[in-house]
Protein backbone atom coordinates (compact mmCIF):
# COMPACT_ATOMS: atom_id res chain seq x y z
CA MET A 1 0.00 0.00 0.00
CA THR A 2 1.50 3.29 -1.05
CA PRO A 3 1.33 6.37 1.20
CA GLU A 4 -1.04 8.00 -1.28
CA SER A 5 -3.63 5.24 -0.75
CA PHE A 6 -3.58 5.56 3.04
CA GLU A 7 -7.04 6.25 4.52
CA TYR A 8 -8.00 6.98 8.11
CA SER A 9 -11.39 5.33 7.87
CA SER A 10 -10.27 1.92 6.57
CA VAL A 11 -8.41 -1.06 7.99
CA GLY A 12 -6.26 -1.28 4.89
CA VAL A 13 -5.60 -3.67 2.05
CA PRO A 14 -5.77 -7.42 2.80
CA MET A 15 -2.46 -9.27 2.91
CA ALA A 16 -1.53 -11.20 -0.23
CA CYS A 17 -1.71 -14.54 1.60
CA THR A 18 -5.25 -13.92 2.91
CA GLU A 19 -8.53 -14.45 1.11
CA VAL A 20 -11.29 -12.04 2.06
CA LYS A 21 -14.95 -12.14 1.19
CA LEU A 22 -18.04 -10.28 2.31
CA VAL A 23 -21.03 -12.47 3.12
CA ASP A 24 -24.63 -11.21 3.10
CA VAL A 25 -26.28 -10.32 6.41
CA ALA A 26 -29.79 -10.16 4.98
CA ASP A 27 -31.59 -9.35 8.24
CA ALA A 28 -29.56 -6.16 8.66
CA GLY A 29 -29.65 -5.16 4.98
CA TYR A 30 -25.98 -5.76 4.20
CA PHE A 31 -25.48 -7.46 0.84
CA ALA A 32 -22.33 -8.27 -1.12
CA ASN A 33 -24.00 -7.03 -4.31
CA ASN A 34 -24.70 -3.55 -2.83
CA LYS A 35 -22.77 -0.61 -4.23
CA PRO A 36 -20.33 -0.47 -2.43
CA SER A 37 -20.21 -4.14 -1.50
CA GLN A 38 -21.12 -4.77 2.15
CA GLY A 39 -21.37 -7.80 4.42
CA GLU A 40 -19.78 -9.83 7.20
CA ILE A 41 -16.01 -10.13 6.72
CA TRP A 42 -14.81 -13.73 6.32
CA LEU A 43 -11.08 -14.54 6.16
CA ARG A 44 -9.14 -17.61 5.05
CA GLY A 45 -5.45 -18.35 4.56
CA PRO A 46 -2.27 -19.65 6.18
CA SER A 47 -1.99 -16.58 8.43
CA ILE A 48 -5.44 -17.20 9.93
CA THR A 49 -5.68 -19.43 13.00
CA LYS A 50 -7.32 -22.84 12.64
CA GLY A 51 -9.39 -22.40 15.79
CA TYR A 52 -9.52 -21.38 19.43
CA TYR A 53 -7.25 -23.30 21.81
CA ASN A 54 -9.30 -25.80 23.87
CA ARG A 55 -12.57 -24.13 22.85
CA ASP A 56 -14.29 -26.48 20.46
CA LYS A 57 -17.71 -24.84 20.68
CA GLU A 58 -16.39 -21.35 19.88
CA THR A 59 -14.25 -22.75 17.06
CA GLU A 60 -17.26 -24.51 15.55
CA GLU A 61 -19.30 -21.28 15.67
CA ALA A 62 -16.56 -19.03 14.25
CA PHE A 63 -15.17 -21.26 11.47
CA THR A 64 -16.82 -22.90 8.47
CA SER A 65 -16.00 -26.45 7.44
CA ASP A 66 -13.91 -25.18 4.51
CA GLY A 67 -11.74 -22.93 6.72
CA TRP A 68 -13.37 -19.50 6.53
CA PHE A 69 -13.13 -17.45 9.75
CA LYS A 70 -16.30 -15.45 10.44
CA THR A 71 -14.99 -12.25 12.04
CA GLY A 72 -18.36 -10.85 13.10
CA ASP A 73 -17.39 -7.47 11.65
CA ILE A 74 -19.54 -5.87 8.97
CA GLY A 75 -17.29 -4.43 6.28
CA GLU A 76 -17.52 -2.39 3.13
CA TRP A 77 -15.12 -2.50 0.17
CA GLN A 78 -13.79 0.96 -0.65
CA PRO A 79 -13.00 2.06 -4.23
CA SER A 80 -9.30 2.07 -3.29
CA GLY A 81 -9.40 -1.70 -2.57
CA THR A 82 -9.34 -1.26 1.21
CA ILE A 83 -11.93 -2.50 3.69
CA LYS A 84 -13.81 -0.22 6.05
CA ILE A 85 -15.47 -1.73 9.14
CA ILE A 86 -18.91 -0.17 9.41
CA ASP A 87 -20.66 -2.31 12.02
CA ARG A 88 -20.44 -5.35 14.28
CA LYS A 89 -22.78 -8.29 13.76
CA LYS A 90 -23.20 -8.99 17.49
CA ASN A 91 -24.13 -5.35 18.14
CA LEU A 92 -27.18 -5.56 15.90
CA VAL A 93 -30.47 -5.75 17.79
CA LYS A 94 -33.89 -6.35 16.30
CA THR A 95 -36.48 -3.77 17.41
CA LEU A 96 -40.16 -4.51 17.99
CA ASN A 97 -41.05 -3.38 14.46
CA GLY A 98 -38.49 -5.79 12.96
CA GLU A 99 -35.82 -3.21 12.18
CA TYR A 100 -32.17 -3.87 13.04
CA ILE A 101 -30.17 -1.15 14.79
CA ALA A 102 -26.63 -1.09 16.16
CA LEU A 103 -26.33 -0.89 19.94
CA GLU A 104 -23.70 1.84 19.75
CA LYS A 105 -26.28 4.06 18.02
CA VAL A 106 -28.72 3.73 20.95
CA PRO A 107 -28.13 6.56 23.43
CA SER A 108 -26.91 5.54 26.87
CA PRO A 109 -28.81 6.68 29.97
CA SER A 110 -26.13 9.30 30.69
CA GLU A 111 -26.57 10.76 27.18
CA ILE A 112 -30.34 10.88 27.61
CA LYS A 113 -30.00 12.55 31.01
CA THR A 114 -27.80 15.33 29.64
CA SER A 115 -30.16 16.00 26.75
CA ARG A 116 -33.07 16.78 29.12
CA TYR A 117 -33.32 19.39 31.85
CA CYS A 118 -32.34 17.97 35.22
CA PRO A 119 -32.35 20.18 38.29
CA PRO A 120 -28.98 20.42 40.02
CA ARG A 121 -28.37 17.91 42.81
CA ARG A 122 -28.55 19.22 46.36
CA THR A 123 -25.98 18.55 49.01
CA ARG A 124 -27.08 16.77 52.19
CA ALA A 125 -27.02 20.04 54.14
CA GLN A 126 -29.18 21.77 51.52
CA GLU A 127 -31.70 18.93 51.62
CA ILE A 128 -31.92 19.08 55.45
CA ARG A 129 -32.54 22.87 55.33
CA ARG A 130 -35.18 22.42 52.63
CA ARG A 131 -37.04 19.86 54.73
CA GLN A 132 -36.84 22.05 57.86
CA ARG A 133 -38.31 25.02 55.97
CA ALA A 134 -41.06 22.82 54.58
CA ARG A 135 -41.99 21.66 58.11
CA GLU A 136 -41.99 25.25 59.41
CA THR A 137 -44.34 26.45 56.65
CA ARG A 138 -46.78 23.62 57.42
CA ARG A 139 -47.13 24.68 61.08
């Protein structure tokens, strides 16, 4: 890869000894025949591990019978021949209306809290004084 083809948003060009293919993730709308091509990144080659050490179940889930490693990353081929990771398969959640969204796009409770008005927190001393005043006004 020449310095001119360097991109910040991509993971680069695949190594010469590695086969790469994008496999459809139909539920999420990622298809290898999209323009640009999108799908789950599968890898195969001598530089790719043959499985997880002493983890037969995980190896069976992550590898196909013909040696393809299912990375779980959703990628997109760039015009420069590089791959850009755009999503993660395990982060996709199906909503009640059947739509798939990525978990990282769902706001966290702290983000929701800051987007709404929240009165400032009182100290313990302030809260005690507030309660005392409330009792005095009731009398």
